[in-house]
Amino acid sequence: MSLDIGDATIGVAVSDLLGITAQGVETIRRTSLAADFDRLGAVIREYEAEALVAGLPKHMNGDEGERCDIVRAFMAEAARHFPDVEIHYWDERLSTVAAERALLEADISRKKRRKVIDKMAAVYILQGFLDRRQHLNA
């Protein structure tokens, strides 16, 4: 399962059982940290997720800034809440840009794009992670 962690929302995507393709699941509207982890826990149980892949929003030069610190802090808390779930990170520098481009090409309205962009970014994060894992295991 992958997460695109933002201030207002968390995009969520899961892989198929074979770990080949990623599908968007939902966008969690953030209200409080407790509520975030309650909903995340429900999704983890529903999809029987064994690992979480968080997108790290690095700068284009590869440096990590304040946003990466926020994601790492959230994932440290996730590790405490879900100790049996592996934690991974994936460089997501261009995932939101790619998701936005795909939604534009599909002629999705601005209003609808805003509702699904984080979920789509989570799909790009997870698909990149899955593709890399497949490549390493080949």
N, C-alpha and C. Protein backbone atom coordinates (compact mmCIF):
# COMPACT_ATOMS: atom_id res chain seq x y z
N MET A 1 0.85 -1.17 0.00
CA MET A 1 0.00 0.00 0.00
C MET A 1 0.90 1.23 0.00
N SER A 2 0.53 2.22 -0.80
CA SER A 2 1.34 3.44 -0.82
C SER A 2 0.52 4.62 -0.33
N LEU A 3 1.25 5.63 0.15
CA LEU A 3 0.64 6.83 0.70
C LEU A 3 1.28 8.06 0.08
N ASP A 4 0.45 8.98 -0.36
CA ASP A 4 0.90 10.31 -0.77
C ASP A 4 0.41 11.25 0.33
N ILE A 5 1.30 11.61 1.24
CA ILE A 5 0.93 12.31 2.46
C ILE A 5 1.02 13.82 2.25
N GLY A 6 -0.11 14.47 2.40
CA GLY A 6 -0.17 15.93 2.30
C GLY A 6 -0.72 16.52 3.58
N ASP A 7 -0.83 17.84 3.62
CA ASP A 7 -1.36 18.51 4.80
C ASP A 7 -2.86 18.27 4.97
N ALA A 8 -3.60 18.26 3.87
CA ALA A 8 -5.06 18.15 3.93
C ALA A 8 -5.58 16.76 3.61
N THR A 9 -4.78 15.98 2.86
CA THR A 9 -5.24 14.66 2.42
C THR A 9 -4.10 13.65 2.42
N ILE A 10 -4.49 12.38 2.36
CA ILE A 10 -3.54 11.29 2.17
C ILE A 10 -4.09 10.43 1.03
N GLY A 11 -3.37 10.39 -0.07
CA GLY A 11 -3.75 9.52 -1.18
C GLY A 11 -3.32 8.11 -0.86
N VAL A 12 -4.17 7.13 -1.19
CA VAL A 12 -3.89 5.73 -0.88
C VAL A 12 -4.05 4.88 -2.13
N ALA A 13 -3.08 4.00 -2.36
CA ALA A 13 -3.15 3.04 -3.46
C ALA A 13 -2.69 1.69 -2.95
N VAL A 14 -3.19 0.63 -3.59
CA VAL A 14 -2.79 -0.73 -3.23
C VAL A 14 -2.36 -1.47 -4.49
N SER A 15 -1.63 -2.55 -4.28
CA SER A 15 -1.23 -3.38 -5.41
C SER A 15 -2.16 -4.57 -5.52
N ASP A 16 -2.13 -5.19 -6.70
CA ASP A 16 -2.83 -6.46 -6.87
C ASP A 16 -2.10 -7.51 -6.03
N LEU A 17 -2.68 -8.70 -5.93
CA LEU A 17 -2.10 -9.75 -5.09
C LEU A 17 -0.70 -10.20 -5.54
N LEU A 18 -0.42 -10.04 -6.82
CA LEU A 18 0.89 -10.45 -7.32
C LEU A 18 1.94 -9.34 -7.20
N GLY A 19 1.52 -8.15 -6.78
CA GLY A 19 2.46 -7.04 -6.65
C GLY A 19 2.95 -6.52 -7.98
N ILE A 20 2.06 -6.52 -8.99
CA ILE A 20 2.45 -6.08 -10.33
C ILE A 20 1.88 -4.71 -10.67
N THR A 21 0.62 -4.47 -10.33
CA THR A 21 -0.01 -3.20 -10.69
C THR A 21 -0.56 -2.50 -9.45
N ALA A 22 -0.63 -1.18 -9.55
CA ALA A 22 -1.15 -0.35 -8.46
C ALA A 22 -2.50 0.22 -8.87
N GLN A 23 -3.42 0.28 -7.92
CA GLN A 23 -4.74 0.87 -8.13
C GLN A 23 -5.02 1.86 -7.01
N GLY A 24 -5.61 2.98 -7.37
CA GLY A 24 -5.99 3.96 -6.37
C GLY A 24 -7.16 3.45 -5.55
N VAL A 25 -7.12 3.72 -4.25
CA VAL A 25 -8.16 3.25 -3.34
C VAL A 25 -9.03 4.41 -2.87
N GLU A 26 -8.40 5.41 -2.28
CA GLU A 26 -9.17 6.53 -1.74
C GLU A 26 -8.26 7.68 -1.40
N THR A 27 -8.88 8.79 -1.10
CA THR A 27 -8.20 9.95 -0.58
C THR A 27 -8.76 10.20 0.81
N ILE A 28 -7.91 10.06 1.81
CA ILE A 28 -8.32 10.29 3.19
C ILE A 28 -8.25 11.79 3.46
N ARG A 29 -9.36 12.37 3.86
CA ARG A 29 -9.39 13.78 4.26
C ARG A 29 -8.87 13.87 5.69
N ARG A 30 -7.80 14.61 5.88
CA ARG A 30 -7.17 14.69 7.20
C ARG A 30 -7.95 15.63 8.11
N THR A 31 -8.22 15.15 9.32
CA THR A 31 -8.90 15.97 10.33
C THR A 31 -8.07 16.05 11.60
N SER A 32 -7.55 14.90 12.03
CA SER A 32 -6.67 14.84 13.20
C SER A 32 -5.76 13.63 13.01
N LEU A 33 -4.65 13.63 13.69
CA LEU A 33 -3.72 12.50 13.57
C LEU A 33 -4.39 11.20 14.01
N ALA A 34 -5.17 11.25 15.08
CA ALA A 34 -5.87 10.06 15.55
C ALA A 34 -6.84 9.54 14.50
N ALA A 35 -7.61 10.44 13.91
CA ALA A 35 -8.56 10.04 12.86
C ALA A 35 -7.83 9.52 11.63
N ASP A 36 -6.70 10.15 11.29
CA ASP A 36 -5.90 9.68 10.14
C ASP A 36 -5.49 8.23 10.34
N PHE A 37 -4.98 7.92 11.53
CA PHE A 37 -4.51 6.56 11.79
C PHE A 37 -5.65 5.58 11.97
N ASP A 38 -6.79 6.03 12.47
CA ASP A 38 -7.97 5.16 12.54
C ASP A 38 -8.37 4.72 11.13
N ARG A 39 -8.48 5.69 10.21
CA ARG A 39 -8.89 5.36 8.84
C ARG A 39 -7.82 4.54 8.13
N LEU A 40 -6.57 4.93 8.32
CA LEU A 40 -5.48 4.20 7.69
C LEU A 40 -5.45 2.75 8.19
N GLY A 41 -5.67 2.56 9.48
CA GLY A 41 -5.71 1.21 10.04
C GLY A 41 -6.83 0.38 9.43
N ALA A 42 -7.99 1.00 9.23
CA ALA A 42 -9.12 0.29 8.60
C ALA A 42 -8.77 -0.13 7.18
N VAL A 43 -8.10 0.75 6.44
CA VAL A 43 -7.72 0.43 5.06
C VAL A 43 -6.65 -0.66 5.04
N ILE A 44 -5.69 -0.58 5.94
CA ILE A 44 -4.65 -1.60 6.04
C ILE A 44 -5.28 -2.97 6.30
N ARG A 45 -6.23 -3.02 7.22
CA ARG A 45 -6.91 -4.29 7.53
C ARG A 45 -7.74 -4.77 6.34
N GLU A 46 -8.48 -3.86 5.73
CA GLU A 46 -9.34 -4.23 4.60
C GLU A 46 -8.54 -4.85 3.46
N TYR A 47 -7.39 -4.28 3.15
CA TYR A 47 -6.58 -4.76 2.03
C TYR A 47 -5.45 -5.69 2.47
N GLU A 48 -5.40 -5.99 3.77
CA GLU A 48 -4.39 -6.87 4.33
C GLU A 48 -2.98 -6.45 3.91
N ALA A 49 -2.72 -5.17 4.01
CA ALA A 49 -1.42 -4.61 3.61
C ALA A 49 -0.32 -5.08 4.55
N GLU A 50 0.77 -5.48 3.95
CA GLU A 50 1.94 -5.92 4.71
C GLU A 50 3.04 -4.86 4.75
N ALA A 51 2.90 -3.86 3.87
CA ALA A 51 3.91 -2.81 3.79
C ALA A 51 3.27 -1.50 3.40
N LEU A 52 3.87 -0.40 3.84
CA LEU A 52 3.47 0.95 3.45
C LEU A 52 4.65 1.60 2.73
N VAL A 53 4.37 2.17 1.57
CA VAL A 53 5.38 2.89 0.81
C VAL A 53 4.96 4.35 0.80
N ALA A 54 5.75 5.17 1.45
CA ALA A 54 5.44 6.61 1.51
C ALA A 54 6.26 7.35 0.48
N GLY A 55 5.60 8.25 -0.22
CA GLY A 55 6.30 9.09 -1.18
C GLY A 55 7.09 10.17 -0.47
N LEU A 56 8.38 10.28 -0.81
CA LEU A 56 9.23 11.33 -0.26
C LEU A 56 9.33 12.46 -1.28
N PRO A 57 8.79 13.64 -0.95
CA PRO A 57 8.80 14.76 -1.89
C PRO A 57 10.14 15.51 -1.87
N LYS A 58 11.14 14.88 -2.48
CA LYS A 58 12.47 15.48 -2.51
C LYS A 58 12.49 16.67 -3.45
N HIS A 59 13.48 17.54 -3.23
CA HIS A 59 13.71 18.64 -4.16
C HIS A 59 14.27 18.06 -5.46
N MET A 60 14.19 18.81 -6.53
CA MET A 60 14.65 18.30 -7.82
C MET A 60 16.13 17.94 -7.82
N ASN A 61 16.93 18.55 -6.95
CA ASN A 61 18.35 18.22 -6.86
C ASN A 61 18.62 17.00 -5.98
N GLY A 62 17.54 16.39 -5.44
CA GLY A 62 17.68 15.20 -4.61
C GLY A 62 17.73 15.47 -3.12
N ASP A 63 17.86 16.73 -2.73
CA ASP A 63 17.90 17.07 -1.31
C ASP A 63 16.52 16.86 -0.68
N GLU A 64 16.54 16.57 0.62
CA GLU A 64 15.31 16.44 1.38
C GLU A 64 15.07 17.72 2.16
N GLY A 65 13.86 18.22 2.08
CA GLY A 65 13.50 19.44 2.79
C GLY A 65 12.51 19.18 3.89
N GLU A 66 11.82 20.23 4.29
CA GLU A 66 10.85 20.16 5.38
C GLU A 66 9.73 19.16 5.11
N ARG A 67 9.24 19.08 3.87
CA ARG A 67 8.16 18.14 3.53
C ARG A 67 8.60 16.70 3.79
N CYS A 68 9.85 16.38 3.48
CA CYS A 68 10.36 15.03 3.74
C CYS A 68 10.38 14.75 5.24
N ASP A 69 10.76 15.76 6.03
CA ASP A 69 10.76 15.60 7.49
C ASP A 69 9.35 15.30 8.00
N ILE A 70 8.36 15.97 7.42
CA ILE A 70 6.97 15.76 7.82
C ILE A 70 6.53 14.34 7.47
N VAL A 71 6.88 13.89 6.27
CA VAL A 71 6.51 12.53 5.86
C VAL A 71 7.20 11.50 6.75
N ARG A 72 8.49 11.70 7.02
CA ARG A 72 9.21 10.75 7.87
C ARG A 72 8.63 10.71 9.29
N ALA A 73 8.23 11.85 9.82
CA ALA A 73 7.61 11.89 11.15
C ALA A 73 6.27 11.14 11.13
N PHE A 74 5.47 11.35 10.10
CA PHE A 74 4.19 10.64 9.98
C PHE A 74 4.43 9.13 9.91
N MET A 75 5.41 8.73 9.13
CA MET A 75 5.68 7.30 8.97
C MET A 75 6.28 6.68 10.23
N ALA A 76 7.02 7.46 11.01
CA ALA A 76 7.52 6.96 12.29
C ALA A 76 6.33 6.67 13.22
N GLU A 77 5.35 7.55 13.18
CA GLU A 77 4.13 7.33 13.96
C GLU A 77 3.35 6.13 13.41
N ALA A 78 3.31 5.98 12.09
CA ALA A 78 2.65 4.82 11.47
C ALA A 78 3.33 3.53 11.93
N ALA A 79 4.65 3.53 12.01
CA ALA A 79 5.38 2.34 12.45
C ALA A 79 5.01 1.98 13.88
N ARG A 80 4.74 2.98 14.72
CA ARG A 80 4.31 2.71 16.09
C ARG A 80 2.88 2.16 16.13
N HIS A 81 2.02 2.69 15.28
CA HIS A 81 0.63 2.24 15.23
C HIS A 81 0.48 0.85 14.61
N PHE A 82 1.32 0.57 13.62
CA PHE A 82 1.20 -0.68 12.86
C PHE A 82 2.56 -1.39 12.84
N PRO A 83 2.98 -1.95 13.98
CA PRO A 83 4.34 -2.51 14.08
C PRO A 83 4.60 -3.71 13.16
N ASP A 84 3.57 -4.38 12.68
CA ASP A 84 3.76 -5.54 11.80
C ASP A 84 3.85 -5.17 10.33
N VAL A 85 3.71 -3.89 10.03
CA VAL A 85 3.72 -3.42 8.64
C VAL A 85 5.09 -2.82 8.32
N GLU A 86 5.70 -3.31 7.23
CA GLU A 86 7.00 -2.77 6.80
C GLU A 86 6.82 -1.34 6.32
N ILE A 87 7.84 -0.52 6.52
CA ILE A 87 7.82 0.87 6.07
C ILE A 87 8.90 1.06 5.01
N HIS A 88 8.49 1.64 3.88
CA HIS A 88 9.42 1.94 2.79
C HIS A 88 9.18 3.38 2.35
N TYR A 89 10.18 3.93 1.66
CA TYR A 89 10.06 5.27 1.09
C TYR A 89 10.37 5.20 -0.40
N TRP A 90 9.73 6.08 -1.15
CA TRP A 90 9.95 6.13 -2.60
C TRP A 90 10.05 7.59 -3.02
N ASP A 91 11.05 7.90 -3.81
CA ASP A 91 11.24 9.25 -4.32
C ASP A 91 10.05 9.59 -5.22
N GLU A 92 9.27 10.58 -4.80
CA GLU A 92 8.04 10.91 -5.53
C GLU A 92 8.10 12.29 -6.17
N ARG A 93 9.29 12.74 -6.51
CA ARG A 93 9.45 14.09 -7.03
C ARG A 93 8.45 14.45 -8.11
N LEU A 94 8.19 13.57 -9.03
CA LEU A 94 7.34 13.93 -10.16
C LEU A 94 6.01 13.19 -10.17
N SER A 95 5.65 12.51 -9.08
CA SER A 95 4.41 11.72 -9.10
C SER A 95 3.17 12.60 -9.24
N THR A 96 3.12 13.71 -8.54
CA THR A 96 1.95 14.58 -8.64
C THR A 96 1.88 15.23 -10.02
N VAL A 97 3.03 15.58 -10.57
CA VAL A 97 3.07 16.16 -11.91
C VAL A 97 2.57 15.14 -12.93
N ALA A 98 3.02 13.89 -12.81
CA ALA A 98 2.59 12.83 -13.74
C ALA A 98 1.09 12.57 -13.59
N ALA A 99 0.61 12.54 -12.35
CA ALA A 99 -0.82 12.31 -12.11
C ALA A 99 -1.64 13.45 -12.71
N GLU A 100 -1.21 14.67 -12.50
CA GLU A 100 -1.92 15.84 -13.05
C GLU A 100 -1.96 15.77 -14.58
N ARG A 101 -0.84 15.41 -15.18
CA ARG A 101 -0.77 15.31 -16.64
C ARG A 101 -1.73 14.24 -17.16
N ALA A 102 -1.76 13.09 -16.48
CA ALA A 102 -2.65 12.00 -16.90
C ALA A 102 -4.12 12.42 -16.79
N LEU A 103 -4.46 13.12 -15.72
CA LEU A 103 -5.84 13.57 -15.54
C LEU A 103 -6.21 14.64 -16.56
N LEU A 104 -5.27 15.51 -16.89
CA LEU A 104 -5.51 16.52 -17.93
C LEU A 104 -5.74 15.86 -19.28
N GLU A 105 -4.90 14.87 -19.59
CA GLU A 105 -5.04 14.17 -20.87
C GLU A 105 -6.37 13.42 -20.95
N ALA A 106 -6.88 12.99 -19.80
CA ALA A 106 -8.16 12.29 -19.76
C ALA A 106 -9.33 13.28 -19.75
N ASP A 107 -9.00 14.58 -19.82
CA ASP A 107 -10.00 15.64 -19.86
C ASP A 107 -10.90 15.65 -18.62
N ILE A 108 -10.28 15.40 -17.46
CA ILE A 108 -11.00 15.44 -16.19
C ILE A 108 -11.09 16.90 -15.73
N SER A 109 -12.25 17.30 -15.28
CA SER A 109 -12.45 18.70 -14.86
C SER A 109 -11.55 19.04 -13.67
N ARG A 110 -11.26 20.32 -13.52
CA ARG A 110 -10.42 20.79 -12.42
C ARG A 110 -10.99 20.35 -11.07
N LYS A 111 -12.29 20.47 -10.90
CA LYS A 111 -12.93 20.09 -9.63
C LYS A 111 -12.73 18.61 -9.34
N LYS A 112 -12.91 17.77 -10.33
CA LYS A 112 -12.74 16.33 -10.14
C LYS A 112 -11.26 15.98 -9.94
N ARG A 113 -10.37 16.70 -10.64
CA ARG A 113 -8.93 16.44 -10.49
C ARG A 113 -8.51 16.67 -9.05
N ARG A 114 -9.02 17.76 -8.45
CA ARG A 114 -8.65 18.07 -7.07
C ARG A 114 -9.03 16.94 -6.12
N LYS A 115 -10.12 16.25 -6.42
CA LYS A 115 -10.60 15.17 -5.55
C LYS A 115 -9.78 13.89 -5.67
N VAL A 116 -9.12 13.68 -6.81
CA VAL A 116 -8.45 12.40 -7.02
C VAL A 116 -6.93 12.51 -7.22
N ILE A 117 -6.39 13.71 -7.26
CA ILE A 117 -4.98 13.88 -7.58
C ILE A 117 -4.06 13.16 -6.59
N ASP A 118 -4.37 13.20 -5.30
CA ASP A 118 -3.52 12.55 -4.30
C ASP A 118 -3.58 11.03 -4.42
N LYS A 119 -4.76 10.51 -4.72
CA LYS A 119 -4.92 9.07 -4.93
C LYS A 119 -4.12 8.63 -6.16
N MET A 120 -4.18 9.43 -7.22
CA MET A 120 -3.43 9.12 -8.43
C MET A 120 -1.92 9.22 -8.18
N ALA A 121 -1.49 10.19 -7.39
CA ALA A 121 -0.07 10.30 -7.05
C ALA A 121 0.38 9.06 -6.28
N ALA A 122 -0.48 8.55 -5.39
CA ALA A 122 -0.17 7.32 -4.65
C ALA A 122 -0.01 6.14 -5.60
N VAL A 123 -0.81 6.12 -6.67
CA VAL A 123 -0.68 5.06 -7.68
C VAL A 123 0.69 5.14 -8.34
N TYR A 124 1.12 6.34 -8.72
CA TYR A 124 2.43 6.50 -9.35
C TYR A 124 3.56 6.10 -8.39
N ILE A 125 3.43 6.45 -7.13
CA ILE A 125 4.43 6.08 -6.13
C ILE A 125 4.53 4.55 -6.05
N LEU A 126 3.40 3.90 -5.88
CA LEU A 126 3.40 2.45 -5.71
C LEU A 126 3.85 1.74 -6.99
N GLN A 127 3.40 2.22 -8.14
CA GLN A 127 3.80 1.56 -9.38
C GLN A 127 5.30 1.65 -9.59
N GLY A 128 5.89 2.80 -9.28
CA GLY A 128 7.35 2.93 -9.37
C GLY A 128 8.06 1.96 -8.44
N PHE A 129 7.56 1.85 -7.22
CA PHE A 129 8.14 0.94 -6.23
C PHE A 129 8.02 -0.50 -6.71
N LEU A 130 6.85 -0.89 -7.21
CA LEU A 130 6.62 -2.26 -7.68
C LEU A 130 7.50 -2.57 -8.90
N ASP A 131 7.59 -1.63 -9.84
CA ASP A 131 8.41 -1.84 -11.03
C ASP A 131 9.87 -2.03 -10.65
N ARG A 132 10.34 -1.23 -9.74
CA ARG A 132 11.74 -1.34 -9.29
C ARG A 132 11.98 -2.69 -8.63
N ARG A 133 11.04 -3.11 -7.79
CA ARG A 133 11.18 -4.42 -7.10
C ARG A 133 11.18 -5.56 -8.12
N GLN A 134 10.30 -5.47 -9.13
CA GLN A 134 10.27 -6.50 -10.18
C GLN A 134 11.60 -6.54 -10.92
N HIS A 135 12.16 -5.36 -11.22
CA HIS A 135 13.42 -5.27 -11.95
C HIS A 135 14.56 -5.90 -11.14
N LEU A 136 14.58 -5.63 -9.83
CA LEU A 136 15.63 -6.17 -8.97
C LEU A 136 15.52 -7.68 -8.81
N ASN A 137 14.30 -8.20 -8.89
CA ASN A 137 14.08 -9.65 -8.72
C ASN A 137 14.19 -10.42 -10.03
N ALA A 138 14.35 -9.69 -11.13
CA ALA A 138 14.40 -10.37 -12.44
C ALA A 138 15.75 -11.02 -12.68
